[in-house]
N, C-alpha and C. Protein backbone atom coordinates (compact mmCIF):
# COMPACT_ATOMS: atom_id res chain seq x y z
N UNK A 1 0.97 -44.31 46.50
CA UNK A 1 1.37 -43.18 45.68
C UNK A 1 0.50 -43.15 44.45
N UNK A 2 -0.10 -42.00 44.19
CA UNK A 2 -0.99 -41.85 43.03
C UNK A 2 -0.20 -41.12 41.93
N UNK A 3 -0.69 -41.29 40.71
CA UNK A 3 -0.05 -40.60 39.57
C UNK A 3 -0.11 -39.08 39.75
N UNK A 4 -1.10 -38.58 40.46
CA UNK A 4 -1.22 -37.14 40.64
C UNK A 4 -0.32 -36.61 41.77
N UNK A 5 0.32 -37.53 42.53
CA UNK A 5 1.20 -37.05 43.59
C UNK A 5 2.38 -36.32 43.02
N UNK A 6 2.96 -35.38 43.72
CA UNK A 6 4.12 -34.67 43.21
C UNK A 6 5.33 -35.62 43.16
N UNK A 7 6.23 -35.40 42.26
CA UNK A 7 7.39 -36.28 42.19
C UNK A 7 8.21 -36.14 43.46
N UNK A 8 8.63 -37.26 44.00
CA UNK A 8 9.40 -37.24 45.22
C UNK A 8 10.83 -37.67 44.88
N UNK A 9 11.78 -36.83 45.20
CA UNK A 9 13.13 -37.11 44.84
C UNK A 9 13.96 -37.66 45.99
N UNK A 10 13.23 -38.37 46.90
CA UNK A 10 13.88 -39.07 47.99
C UNK A 10 13.65 -40.54 47.75
N UNK A 11 14.67 -41.35 47.88
CA UNK A 11 14.52 -42.78 47.67
C UNK A 11 13.46 -43.31 48.65
N UNK A 12 12.35 -43.78 48.08
CA UNK A 12 11.24 -44.22 48.92
C UNK A 12 11.60 -45.40 49.84
N UNK A 13 12.53 -46.25 49.42
CA UNK A 13 12.90 -47.37 50.26
C UNK A 13 13.59 -46.87 51.54
N UNK A 14 14.28 -45.77 51.48
CA UNK A 14 14.96 -45.26 52.66
C UNK A 14 14.15 -44.26 53.44
N UNK A 15 12.98 -43.92 52.97
CA UNK A 15 12.12 -42.92 53.59
C UNK A 15 11.83 -43.18 55.08
N UNK A 16 11.47 -44.40 55.48
CA UNK A 16 11.22 -44.65 56.90
C UNK A 16 12.50 -44.35 57.76
N UNK A 17 13.66 -44.72 57.28
CA UNK A 17 14.87 -44.48 58.01
C UNK A 17 15.18 -42.98 58.10
N UNK A 18 14.86 -42.28 57.02
CA UNK A 18 15.08 -40.79 57.02
C UNK A 18 14.18 -40.16 58.08
N UNK A 19 12.93 -40.58 58.10
CA UNK A 19 12.00 -39.95 59.05
C UNK A 19 12.33 -40.35 60.51
N UNK A 20 12.74 -41.56 60.69
CA UNK A 20 13.19 -41.96 62.04
C UNK A 20 14.43 -41.17 62.47
N UNK A 21 15.34 -40.92 61.54
CA UNK A 21 16.56 -40.16 61.84
C UNK A 21 16.22 -38.73 62.19
N UNK A 22 15.30 -38.12 61.39
CA UNK A 22 14.90 -36.75 61.69
C UNK A 22 14.25 -36.65 63.10
N UNK A 23 13.48 -37.68 63.44
CA UNK A 23 12.88 -37.69 64.78
C UNK A 23 13.98 -37.83 65.86
N UNK A 24 14.94 -38.71 65.65
CA UNK A 24 16.00 -38.94 66.58
C UNK A 24 16.85 -37.70 66.76
N UNK A 25 17.07 -36.98 65.69
CA UNK A 25 17.89 -35.76 65.75
C UNK A 25 17.24 -34.70 66.66
N UNK A 26 15.95 -34.76 66.81
CA UNK A 26 15.27 -33.77 67.67
C UNK A 26 15.68 -33.90 69.15
N UNK A 27 16.29 -35.02 69.50
CA UNK A 27 16.69 -35.21 70.91
C UNK A 27 18.12 -34.74 71.21
N UNK A 28 18.89 -34.35 70.20
CA UNK A 28 20.32 -34.03 70.46
C UNK A 28 20.44 -32.87 71.46
N UNK A 29 21.33 -33.03 72.34
CA UNK A 29 21.68 -31.99 73.34
C UNK A 29 20.44 -31.48 74.10
N UNK A 30 19.49 -32.37 74.37
CA UNK A 30 18.21 -31.90 74.91
C UNK A 30 18.28 -31.20 76.25
N UNK A 31 19.31 -31.36 77.00
CA UNK A 31 19.46 -30.68 78.29
C UNK A 31 20.27 -29.38 78.17
N UNK A 32 20.54 -28.96 76.94
CA UNK A 32 21.40 -27.83 76.68
C UNK A 32 20.60 -26.57 76.36
N UNK A 33 21.31 -25.50 76.07
CA UNK A 33 20.71 -24.22 75.71
C UNK A 33 20.14 -24.31 74.29
N UNK A 34 19.17 -23.46 73.95
CA UNK A 34 18.61 -23.46 72.59
C UNK A 34 19.66 -23.36 71.49
N UNK A 35 20.70 -22.51 71.71
CA UNK A 35 21.69 -22.32 70.65
C UNK A 35 22.54 -23.57 70.47
N UNK A 36 22.82 -24.27 71.55
CA UNK A 36 23.58 -25.53 71.45
C UNK A 36 22.71 -26.61 70.77
N UNK A 37 21.43 -26.61 71.09
CA UNK A 37 20.53 -27.57 70.44
C UNK A 37 20.48 -27.33 68.96
N UNK A 38 20.36 -26.06 68.54
CA UNK A 38 20.27 -25.72 67.13
C UNK A 38 21.58 -26.10 66.44
N UNK A 39 22.74 -25.79 67.04
CA UNK A 39 23.99 -26.16 66.44
C UNK A 39 24.12 -27.69 66.31
N UNK A 40 23.64 -28.44 67.32
CA UNK A 40 23.69 -29.86 67.30
C UNK A 40 22.82 -30.44 66.20
N UNK A 41 21.60 -29.87 66.04
CA UNK A 41 20.70 -30.37 64.97
C UNK A 41 21.37 -30.09 63.61
N UNK A 42 21.91 -28.92 63.40
CA UNK A 42 22.61 -28.64 62.15
C UNK A 42 23.75 -29.59 61.89
N UNK A 43 24.51 -29.93 62.96
CA UNK A 43 25.63 -30.84 62.84
C UNK A 43 25.11 -32.22 62.41
N UNK A 44 24.11 -32.76 63.05
CA UNK A 44 23.57 -34.07 62.68
C UNK A 44 22.94 -34.07 61.29
N UNK A 45 22.27 -33.01 60.92
CA UNK A 45 21.66 -32.98 59.60
C UNK A 45 22.73 -33.00 58.49
N UNK A 46 23.90 -32.49 58.77
CA UNK A 46 24.95 -32.47 57.77
C UNK A 46 25.73 -33.76 57.66
N UNK A 47 25.49 -34.70 58.54
CA UNK A 47 26.24 -35.97 58.54
C UNK A 47 25.79 -36.90 57.41
N UNK A 48 26.75 -37.19 56.53
CA UNK A 48 26.43 -38.09 55.40
C UNK A 48 26.30 -39.55 55.81
N UNK A 49 26.80 -39.91 57.03
CA UNK A 49 26.76 -41.29 57.49
C UNK A 49 25.39 -41.69 58.00
N UNK A 50 24.47 -40.76 58.25
CA UNK A 50 23.15 -41.03 58.74
C UNK A 50 22.19 -41.34 57.57
N UNK A 51 21.02 -41.84 57.89
CA UNK A 51 20.02 -42.16 56.84
C UNK A 51 19.62 -40.87 56.07
N UNK A 52 19.76 -39.76 56.70
CA UNK A 52 19.43 -38.47 56.05
C UNK A 52 20.50 -38.08 55.05
N UNK A 53 21.68 -38.70 55.09
CA UNK A 53 22.76 -38.58 54.12
C UNK A 53 23.25 -37.17 53.87
N UNK A 54 23.07 -36.30 54.84
CA UNK A 54 23.51 -34.89 54.67
C UNK A 54 22.63 -34.12 53.68
N UNK A 55 21.49 -34.68 53.28
CA UNK A 55 20.62 -34.07 52.28
C UNK A 55 19.48 -33.19 52.86
N UNK A 56 19.49 -32.99 54.15
CA UNK A 56 18.46 -32.19 54.78
C UNK A 56 19.12 -31.02 55.53
N UNK A 57 18.48 -29.88 55.54
CA UNK A 57 19.01 -28.70 56.28
C UNK A 57 17.89 -28.12 57.14
N UNK A 58 18.26 -27.52 58.25
CA UNK A 58 17.29 -26.87 59.10
C UNK A 58 16.75 -25.65 58.38
N UNK A 59 15.41 -25.58 58.28
CA UNK A 59 14.84 -24.45 57.59
C UNK A 59 13.93 -23.58 58.49
N UNK A 60 13.52 -24.11 59.61
CA UNK A 60 12.76 -23.33 60.60
C UNK A 60 12.96 -23.99 61.98
N UNK A 61 13.16 -23.15 62.98
CA UNK A 61 13.33 -23.69 64.33
C UNK A 61 14.81 -23.99 64.58
N UNK A 62 15.09 -24.75 65.58
CA UNK A 62 14.13 -25.45 66.41
C UNK A 62 13.43 -24.47 67.37
N UNK A 63 12.17 -24.80 67.65
CA UNK A 63 11.41 -24.05 68.63
C UNK A 63 11.26 -24.92 69.85
N UNK A 64 11.57 -24.35 70.99
CA UNK A 64 11.51 -25.07 72.24
C UNK A 64 10.58 -24.32 73.17
N UNK A 65 9.62 -25.05 73.74
CA UNK A 65 8.62 -24.42 74.60
C UNK A 65 9.00 -24.57 76.06
N UNK A 66 8.48 -23.73 76.89
CA UNK A 66 8.65 -23.82 78.33
C UNK A 66 10.12 -23.92 78.71
N UNK A 67 10.38 -24.64 79.77
CA UNK A 67 11.75 -24.86 80.20
C UNK A 67 12.21 -26.15 79.52
N UNK A 68 12.59 -26.02 78.27
CA UNK A 68 13.09 -27.13 77.48
C UNK A 68 12.08 -28.29 77.41
N UNK A 69 10.82 -27.98 77.26
CA UNK A 69 9.79 -29.01 77.24
C UNK A 69 9.64 -29.57 75.83
N UNK A 70 8.73 -29.03 75.06
CA UNK A 70 8.49 -29.54 73.70
C UNK A 70 9.46 -28.91 72.72
N UNK A 71 9.75 -29.61 71.66
CA UNK A 71 10.64 -29.13 70.61
C UNK A 71 10.12 -29.56 69.25
N UNK A 72 10.19 -28.65 68.30
CA UNK A 72 9.75 -28.90 66.95
C UNK A 72 10.71 -28.19 66.00
N UNK A 73 11.00 -28.76 64.86
CA UNK A 73 11.78 -28.07 63.82
C UNK A 73 11.33 -28.54 62.45
N UNK A 74 11.67 -27.78 61.41
CA UNK A 74 11.37 -28.14 60.04
C UNK A 74 12.68 -28.26 59.30
N UNK A 75 12.82 -29.38 58.61
CA UNK A 75 14.03 -29.61 57.75
C UNK A 75 13.55 -29.65 56.32
N UNK A 76 14.44 -29.23 55.42
CA UNK A 76 14.15 -29.18 53.99
C UNK A 76 15.16 -30.11 53.30
N UNK A 77 14.61 -30.95 52.41
CA UNK A 77 15.47 -31.80 51.62
C UNK A 77 16.13 -30.95 50.52
N UNK A 78 17.46 -31.07 50.40
CA UNK A 78 18.21 -30.21 49.53
C UNK A 78 18.58 -30.90 48.20
N UNK A 79 18.04 -32.09 47.93
CA UNK A 79 18.38 -32.77 46.70
C UNK A 79 17.30 -32.56 45.66
N UNK A 80 17.68 -32.61 44.42
CA UNK A 80 16.75 -32.55 43.33
C UNK A 80 16.14 -31.19 43.07
N UNK A 81 15.21 -31.16 42.13
CA UNK A 81 14.58 -29.90 41.70
C UNK A 81 13.42 -29.51 42.64
N UNK A 82 12.69 -30.50 43.12
CA UNK A 82 11.50 -30.20 43.93
C UNK A 82 11.83 -30.35 45.41
N UNK A 83 11.49 -29.34 46.21
CA UNK A 83 11.79 -29.47 47.62
C UNK A 83 10.81 -30.41 48.31
N UNK A 84 11.26 -30.93 49.43
CA UNK A 84 10.38 -31.66 50.35
C UNK A 84 10.72 -31.17 51.75
N UNK A 85 9.77 -31.17 52.63
CA UNK A 85 9.96 -30.68 53.94
C UNK A 85 9.53 -31.76 54.97
N UNK A 86 10.07 -31.65 56.14
CA UNK A 86 9.67 -32.56 57.23
C UNK A 86 9.54 -31.75 58.51
N UNK A 87 8.47 -31.97 59.24
CA UNK A 87 8.29 -31.40 60.56
C UNK A 87 8.68 -32.54 61.52
N UNK A 88 9.67 -32.28 62.35
CA UNK A 88 10.12 -33.29 63.34
C UNK A 88 9.78 -32.77 64.76
N UNK A 89 9.17 -33.66 65.53
CA UNK A 89 8.71 -33.30 66.89
C UNK A 89 9.37 -34.20 67.89
N UNK A 90 10.05 -33.62 68.87
CA UNK A 90 10.74 -34.38 69.91
C UNK A 90 9.70 -34.99 70.87
N UNK A 91 10.07 -36.13 71.41
CA UNK A 91 9.27 -36.75 72.45
C UNK A 91 9.55 -36.15 73.80
N UNK A 92 9.15 -36.86 74.83
CA UNK A 92 9.29 -36.37 76.21
C UNK A 92 10.74 -36.08 76.55
N UNK A 93 10.96 -34.93 77.13
CA UNK A 93 12.26 -34.57 77.63
C UNK A 93 12.23 -34.83 79.15
N UNK A 94 12.92 -35.90 79.50
CA UNK A 94 12.96 -36.32 80.93
C UNK A 94 13.57 -35.26 81.82
N UNK A 95 14.25 -34.27 81.24
CA UNK A 95 14.89 -33.20 82.02
C UNK A 95 13.94 -32.01 82.28
N UNK A 96 12.71 -32.07 81.76
CA UNK A 96 11.81 -30.95 81.88
C UNK A 96 10.64 -31.30 82.80
N UNK A 97 10.44 -30.52 83.83
CA UNK A 97 9.33 -30.77 84.74
C UNK A 97 7.97 -30.40 84.10
N UNK A 98 8.01 -29.68 82.99
CA UNK A 98 6.76 -29.27 82.31
C UNK A 98 6.32 -30.29 81.26
N UNK A 99 7.24 -31.10 80.76
CA UNK A 99 6.94 -32.02 79.67
C UNK A 99 6.30 -33.31 80.14
N UNK A 100 6.71 -33.81 81.28
CA UNK A 100 6.22 -35.11 81.76
C UNK A 100 4.69 -35.05 82.06
N UNK A 101 4.15 -33.99 82.66
CA UNK A 101 2.70 -33.97 82.86
C UNK A 101 1.87 -34.10 81.58
N UNK A 102 2.42 -33.64 80.46
CA UNK A 102 1.75 -33.81 79.17
C UNK A 102 1.53 -35.29 78.86
N UNK A 103 2.51 -36.11 79.23
CA UNK A 103 2.37 -37.54 79.00
C UNK A 103 1.33 -38.17 79.93
N UNK A 104 1.19 -37.61 81.10
CA UNK A 104 0.33 -38.23 82.11
C UNK A 104 -1.13 -37.80 82.02
N UNK A 105 -1.38 -36.62 81.47
CA UNK A 105 -2.76 -36.09 81.41
C UNK A 105 -3.46 -36.59 80.15
N UNK A 106 -3.84 -37.88 80.18
CA UNK A 106 -4.47 -38.47 79.00
C UNK A 106 -5.91 -38.94 79.25
N UNK A 107 -6.37 -38.86 80.47
CA UNK A 107 -7.72 -39.35 80.76
C UNK A 107 -8.81 -38.28 80.56
N UNK A 108 -8.41 -37.04 80.57
CA UNK A 108 -9.38 -35.95 80.36
C UNK A 108 -9.34 -35.51 78.95
N UNK A 109 -10.51 -35.48 78.28
CA UNK A 109 -10.60 -35.02 76.92
C UNK A 109 -11.01 -33.55 76.90
N UNK A 110 -10.39 -32.86 75.92
CA UNK A 110 -10.72 -31.45 75.70
C UNK A 110 -11.03 -31.24 74.22
N UNK A 111 -11.69 -30.14 73.94
CA UNK A 111 -12.02 -29.85 72.54
C UNK A 111 -10.75 -29.64 71.69
N UNK A 112 -10.78 -30.17 70.46
CA UNK A 112 -9.72 -29.87 69.52
C UNK A 112 -10.29 -28.90 68.51
N UNK A 113 -10.09 -27.60 68.72
CA UNK A 113 -10.77 -26.59 67.89
C UNK A 113 -10.23 -26.41 66.48
N UNK A 114 -9.19 -27.18 66.12
CA UNK A 114 -8.58 -27.02 64.82
C UNK A 114 -9.08 -28.02 63.77
N UNK A 115 -10.05 -28.81 64.15
CA UNK A 115 -10.59 -29.82 63.24
C UNK A 115 -12.08 -29.60 63.01
N UNK A 116 -12.84 -30.67 63.07
CA UNK A 116 -14.27 -30.59 62.87
C UNK A 116 -14.98 -30.41 64.22
N UNK A 117 -16.20 -29.92 64.18
CA UNK A 117 -17.01 -29.72 65.38
C UNK A 117 -17.16 -31.06 66.08
N UNK A 118 -16.89 -31.05 67.39
CA UNK A 118 -17.03 -32.26 68.20
C UNK A 118 -15.75 -33.02 68.36
N UNK A 119 -14.70 -32.63 67.67
CA UNK A 119 -13.40 -33.34 67.82
C UNK A 119 -12.85 -33.08 69.22
N UNK A 120 -12.22 -34.12 69.82
CA UNK A 120 -11.58 -33.94 71.11
C UNK A 120 -10.27 -34.70 71.13
N UNK A 121 -9.45 -34.35 72.10
CA UNK A 121 -8.12 -34.96 72.25
C UNK A 121 -7.81 -34.96 73.76
N UNK A 122 -6.89 -35.80 74.14
CA UNK A 122 -6.44 -35.80 75.53
C UNK A 122 -5.83 -34.48 75.92
N UNK A 123 -6.05 -34.06 77.16
CA UNK A 123 -5.63 -32.73 77.65
C UNK A 123 -4.11 -32.52 77.54
N UNK A 124 -3.31 -33.50 77.93
CA UNK A 124 -1.85 -33.32 77.91
C UNK A 124 -1.30 -33.09 76.49
N UNK A 125 -1.62 -34.00 75.55
CA UNK A 125 -1.17 -33.75 74.18
C UNK A 125 -1.66 -32.43 73.58
N UNK A 126 -2.89 -32.06 73.96
CA UNK A 126 -3.44 -30.76 73.46
C UNK A 126 -2.56 -29.61 73.96
N UNK A 127 -2.15 -29.68 75.21
CA UNK A 127 -1.30 -28.62 75.76
C UNK A 127 0.01 -28.55 74.99
N UNK A 128 0.64 -29.71 74.72
CA UNK A 128 1.89 -29.73 73.96
C UNK A 128 1.68 -29.21 72.54
N UNK A 129 0.59 -29.61 71.92
CA UNK A 129 0.28 -29.16 70.56
C UNK A 129 0.12 -27.62 70.50
N UNK A 130 -0.66 -27.09 71.40
CA UNK A 130 -0.91 -25.64 71.43
C UNK A 130 0.38 -24.89 71.74
N UNK A 131 1.15 -25.40 72.70
CA UNK A 131 2.45 -24.76 73.01
C UNK A 131 3.32 -24.67 71.76
N UNK A 132 3.40 -25.76 71.02
CA UNK A 132 4.26 -25.77 69.80
C UNK A 132 3.63 -24.91 68.68
N UNK A 133 2.33 -24.96 68.55
CA UNK A 133 1.65 -24.17 67.51
C UNK A 133 1.81 -22.68 67.72
N UNK A 134 1.82 -22.24 68.97
CA UNK A 134 1.93 -20.84 69.31
C UNK A 134 3.36 -20.34 69.37
N UNK A 135 4.31 -21.24 69.52
CA UNK A 135 5.71 -20.85 69.71
C UNK A 135 6.28 -20.21 68.46
N UNK A 136 7.29 -19.34 68.63
CA UNK A 136 7.90 -18.66 67.50
C UNK A 136 9.38 -18.99 67.40
N UNK A 137 9.84 -19.10 66.19
CA UNK A 137 11.24 -19.27 65.88
C UNK A 137 11.99 -18.08 66.44
N UNK A 138 13.04 -18.29 67.17
CA UNK A 138 13.74 -17.18 67.81
C UNK A 138 14.48 -16.29 66.79
N UNK A 139 14.83 -16.83 65.68
CA UNK A 139 15.58 -16.06 64.68
C UNK A 139 14.72 -15.03 63.95
N UNK A 140 13.54 -15.47 63.45
CA UNK A 140 12.73 -14.55 62.66
C UNK A 140 11.32 -14.35 63.22
N UNK A 141 11.09 -14.85 64.43
CA UNK A 141 9.82 -14.63 65.18
C UNK A 141 8.57 -15.06 64.36
N UNK A 142 8.67 -16.22 63.67
CA UNK A 142 7.52 -16.75 62.98
C UNK A 142 7.05 -18.05 63.63
N UNK A 143 5.75 -18.25 63.58
CA UNK A 143 5.17 -19.50 64.04
C UNK A 143 5.35 -20.54 62.92
N UNK A 144 5.09 -21.78 63.25
CA UNK A 144 5.11 -22.83 62.21
C UNK A 144 4.18 -22.52 61.09
N UNK A 145 2.96 -22.06 61.45
CA UNK A 145 1.96 -21.73 60.41
C UNK A 145 2.48 -20.57 59.51
N UNK A 146 3.03 -19.54 60.13
CA UNK A 146 3.57 -18.45 59.33
C UNK A 146 4.65 -18.97 58.37
N UNK A 147 5.55 -19.79 58.89
CA UNK A 147 6.63 -20.30 58.08
C UNK A 147 6.09 -21.11 56.90
N UNK A 148 5.16 -22.05 57.18
CA UNK A 148 4.62 -22.87 56.08
C UNK A 148 3.89 -22.04 55.04
N UNK A 149 3.20 -21.00 55.49
CA UNK A 149 2.51 -20.11 54.55
C UNK A 149 3.51 -19.39 53.63
N UNK A 150 4.72 -19.13 54.15
CA UNK A 150 5.70 -18.36 53.38
C UNK A 150 6.39 -19.19 52.30
N UNK A 151 6.24 -20.48 52.33
CA UNK A 151 6.88 -21.33 51.31
C UNK A 151 6.07 -21.22 50.03
N UNK A 152 6.75 -20.91 48.93
CA UNK A 152 6.04 -20.76 47.69
C UNK A 152 6.37 -21.92 46.72
N UNK A 153 5.38 -22.30 45.94
CA UNK A 153 5.51 -23.37 44.96
C UNK A 153 4.33 -23.35 44.03
N UNK A 154 4.54 -23.83 42.83
CA UNK A 154 3.44 -23.91 41.85
C UNK A 154 2.81 -25.30 41.88
N UNK A 155 3.42 -26.25 42.58
CA UNK A 155 2.89 -27.61 42.69
C UNK A 155 2.80 -27.98 44.19
N UNK A 156 2.04 -29.01 44.48
CA UNK A 156 1.96 -29.47 45.87
C UNK A 156 3.33 -29.94 46.35
N UNK A 157 3.65 -29.55 47.55
CA UNK A 157 4.97 -29.81 48.13
C UNK A 157 4.86 -30.99 49.13
N UNK A 158 5.72 -31.99 49.01
CA UNK A 158 5.69 -33.06 50.03
C UNK A 158 6.07 -32.51 51.40
N UNK A 159 5.26 -32.83 52.39
CA UNK A 159 5.50 -32.42 53.77
C UNK A 159 5.26 -33.62 54.67
N UNK A 160 6.33 -34.04 55.33
CA UNK A 160 6.29 -35.17 56.20
C UNK A 160 6.15 -34.67 57.63
N UNK A 161 5.39 -35.38 58.47
CA UNK A 161 5.26 -35.05 59.88
C UNK A 161 5.73 -36.25 60.63
N UNK A 162 6.77 -36.12 61.43
CA UNK A 162 7.37 -37.26 62.13
C UNK A 162 7.67 -36.91 63.57
N UNK A 163 7.71 -37.88 64.38
CA UNK A 163 8.06 -37.68 65.80
C UNK A 163 8.23 -39.00 66.48
N UNK A 164 8.87 -38.98 67.66
CA UNK A 164 9.07 -40.20 68.41
C UNK A 164 8.43 -40.02 69.77
N UNK A 165 7.86 -41.09 70.32
CA UNK A 165 7.27 -41.08 71.66
C UNK A 165 6.21 -39.99 71.72
N UNK A 166 6.31 -39.08 72.63
CA UNK A 166 5.31 -38.00 72.73
C UNK A 166 5.22 -37.26 71.41
N UNK A 167 6.37 -37.07 70.73
CA UNK A 167 6.34 -36.41 69.39
C UNK A 167 5.59 -37.23 68.37
N UNK A 168 5.65 -38.57 68.51
CA UNK A 168 4.91 -39.43 67.61
C UNK A 168 3.39 -39.31 67.88
N UNK A 169 3.05 -39.03 69.13
CA UNK A 169 1.63 -38.77 69.47
C UNK A 169 1.16 -37.42 68.99
N UNK A 170 2.04 -36.47 68.95
CA UNK A 170 1.66 -35.14 68.50
C UNK A 170 1.63 -35.05 66.93
N UNK A 171 2.38 -35.90 66.28
CA UNK A 171 2.48 -35.86 64.80
C UNK A 171 1.08 -35.97 64.14
N UNK A 172 0.23 -36.92 64.57
CA UNK A 172 -1.12 -36.94 63.97
C UNK A 172 -1.94 -35.71 64.22
N UNK A 173 -1.76 -35.08 65.39
CA UNK A 173 -2.49 -33.83 65.64
C UNK A 173 -2.05 -32.74 64.71
N UNK A 174 -0.73 -32.67 64.46
CA UNK A 174 -0.25 -31.67 63.49
C UNK A 174 -0.74 -32.02 62.08
N UNK A 175 -0.76 -33.30 61.74
CA UNK A 175 -1.23 -33.70 60.38
C UNK A 175 -2.70 -33.30 60.22
N UNK A 176 -3.51 -33.57 61.25
CA UNK A 176 -4.97 -33.22 61.20
C UNK A 176 -5.13 -31.70 61.12
N UNK A 177 -4.34 -30.96 61.88
CA UNK A 177 -4.44 -29.54 61.83
C UNK A 177 -4.08 -29.02 60.45
N UNK A 178 -3.08 -29.62 59.83
CA UNK A 178 -2.66 -29.21 58.49
C UNK A 178 -3.72 -29.51 57.42
N UNK A 179 -4.31 -30.69 57.49
CA UNK A 179 -5.29 -31.02 56.44
C UNK A 179 -6.61 -30.29 56.61
N UNK A 180 -6.84 -29.68 57.78
CA UNK A 180 -8.03 -28.86 57.97
C UNK A 180 -7.72 -27.37 57.94
N UNK A 181 -6.49 -26.99 57.67
CA UNK A 181 -6.07 -25.58 57.68
C UNK A 181 -6.32 -25.04 56.25
N UNK A 182 -7.25 -24.14 56.13
CA UNK A 182 -7.64 -23.62 54.79
C UNK A 182 -6.45 -23.05 54.00
N UNK A 183 -5.50 -22.41 54.69
CA UNK A 183 -4.37 -21.77 54.01
C UNK A 183 -3.32 -22.78 53.58
N UNK A 184 -3.30 -23.97 54.18
CA UNK A 184 -2.22 -24.92 53.92
C UNK A 184 -2.62 -26.21 53.29
N UNK A 185 -3.89 -26.61 53.42
CA UNK A 185 -4.32 -27.94 53.02
C UNK A 185 -4.09 -28.26 51.54
N UNK A 186 -4.16 -27.29 50.66
CA UNK A 186 -3.97 -27.52 49.25
C UNK A 186 -2.55 -27.24 48.76
N UNK A 187 -1.73 -26.76 49.66
CA UNK A 187 -0.36 -26.39 49.31
C UNK A 187 0.60 -27.53 49.44
N UNK A 188 0.29 -28.52 50.32
CA UNK A 188 1.20 -29.60 50.61
C UNK A 188 0.54 -30.97 50.41
N UNK A 189 1.37 -31.93 50.19
CA UNK A 189 0.99 -33.36 50.18
C UNK A 189 1.52 -33.92 51.46
N UNK A 190 0.64 -34.30 52.44
CA UNK A 190 1.03 -34.66 53.77
C UNK A 190 1.25 -36.16 53.92
N UNK A 191 2.26 -36.50 54.73
CA UNK A 191 2.52 -37.91 55.09
C UNK A 191 2.99 -37.88 56.53
N UNK A 192 2.51 -38.86 57.35
CA UNK A 192 3.01 -38.99 58.71
C UNK A 192 3.83 -40.25 58.81
C-alpha cells in the first residue's frame, strides 16, 4: 500500500476472507434459475455471520452466460465514506455442458486483443472471458464495462477482482483488461 493509494475502509486483515467469501457466494444456487441465483446472492451478501459481515451489496449482475455456464457479479462495499467494489467470478459449473470445455481447452493459444500486441491466452479461458465481457445485466442491459464507466468518483476507487477455480483463472484476464482499458485504467485502483 502506497501513501497515494485511496483510503480503504475495509479491515485489511480480513480482506482475504472477504474476497474468498465473495468468490464462494458466486456458487450459490448454481443449478437454479437466474432470479433464484440473484436472490441467493443477495441473501448471502446480507449475512452478518460471513466474512463479508453484511457490508456488501449486489450492484451489478449477476450475469450468467450460456446455459448457466459462466457467472460474474459486482458487489459494492457499503461501509464508510469511500466506496469499494469487487468483481466476483464463479468457477466451473459442473451442471453446465458449456462450461467444462472452457476448462479443457488450454493447449491452444489465441490472441488476447485487449492487451498489448502479441499477447495470447488459452482458448478456453478466452471464450469464458469474452462471454462474460459481452454479457449484459438482465435488469438494465449494461455490460460490465458500461457499468464500471457509469460509476462516478473524484478519486481512484478500489476495485477487487476475485474468483475461484475457473473464476480464479479468469480474474487475472479481467485485471489485465482493466489496466489496459483507456476508459477505466485511471478510474480504479485494482487488486486481484
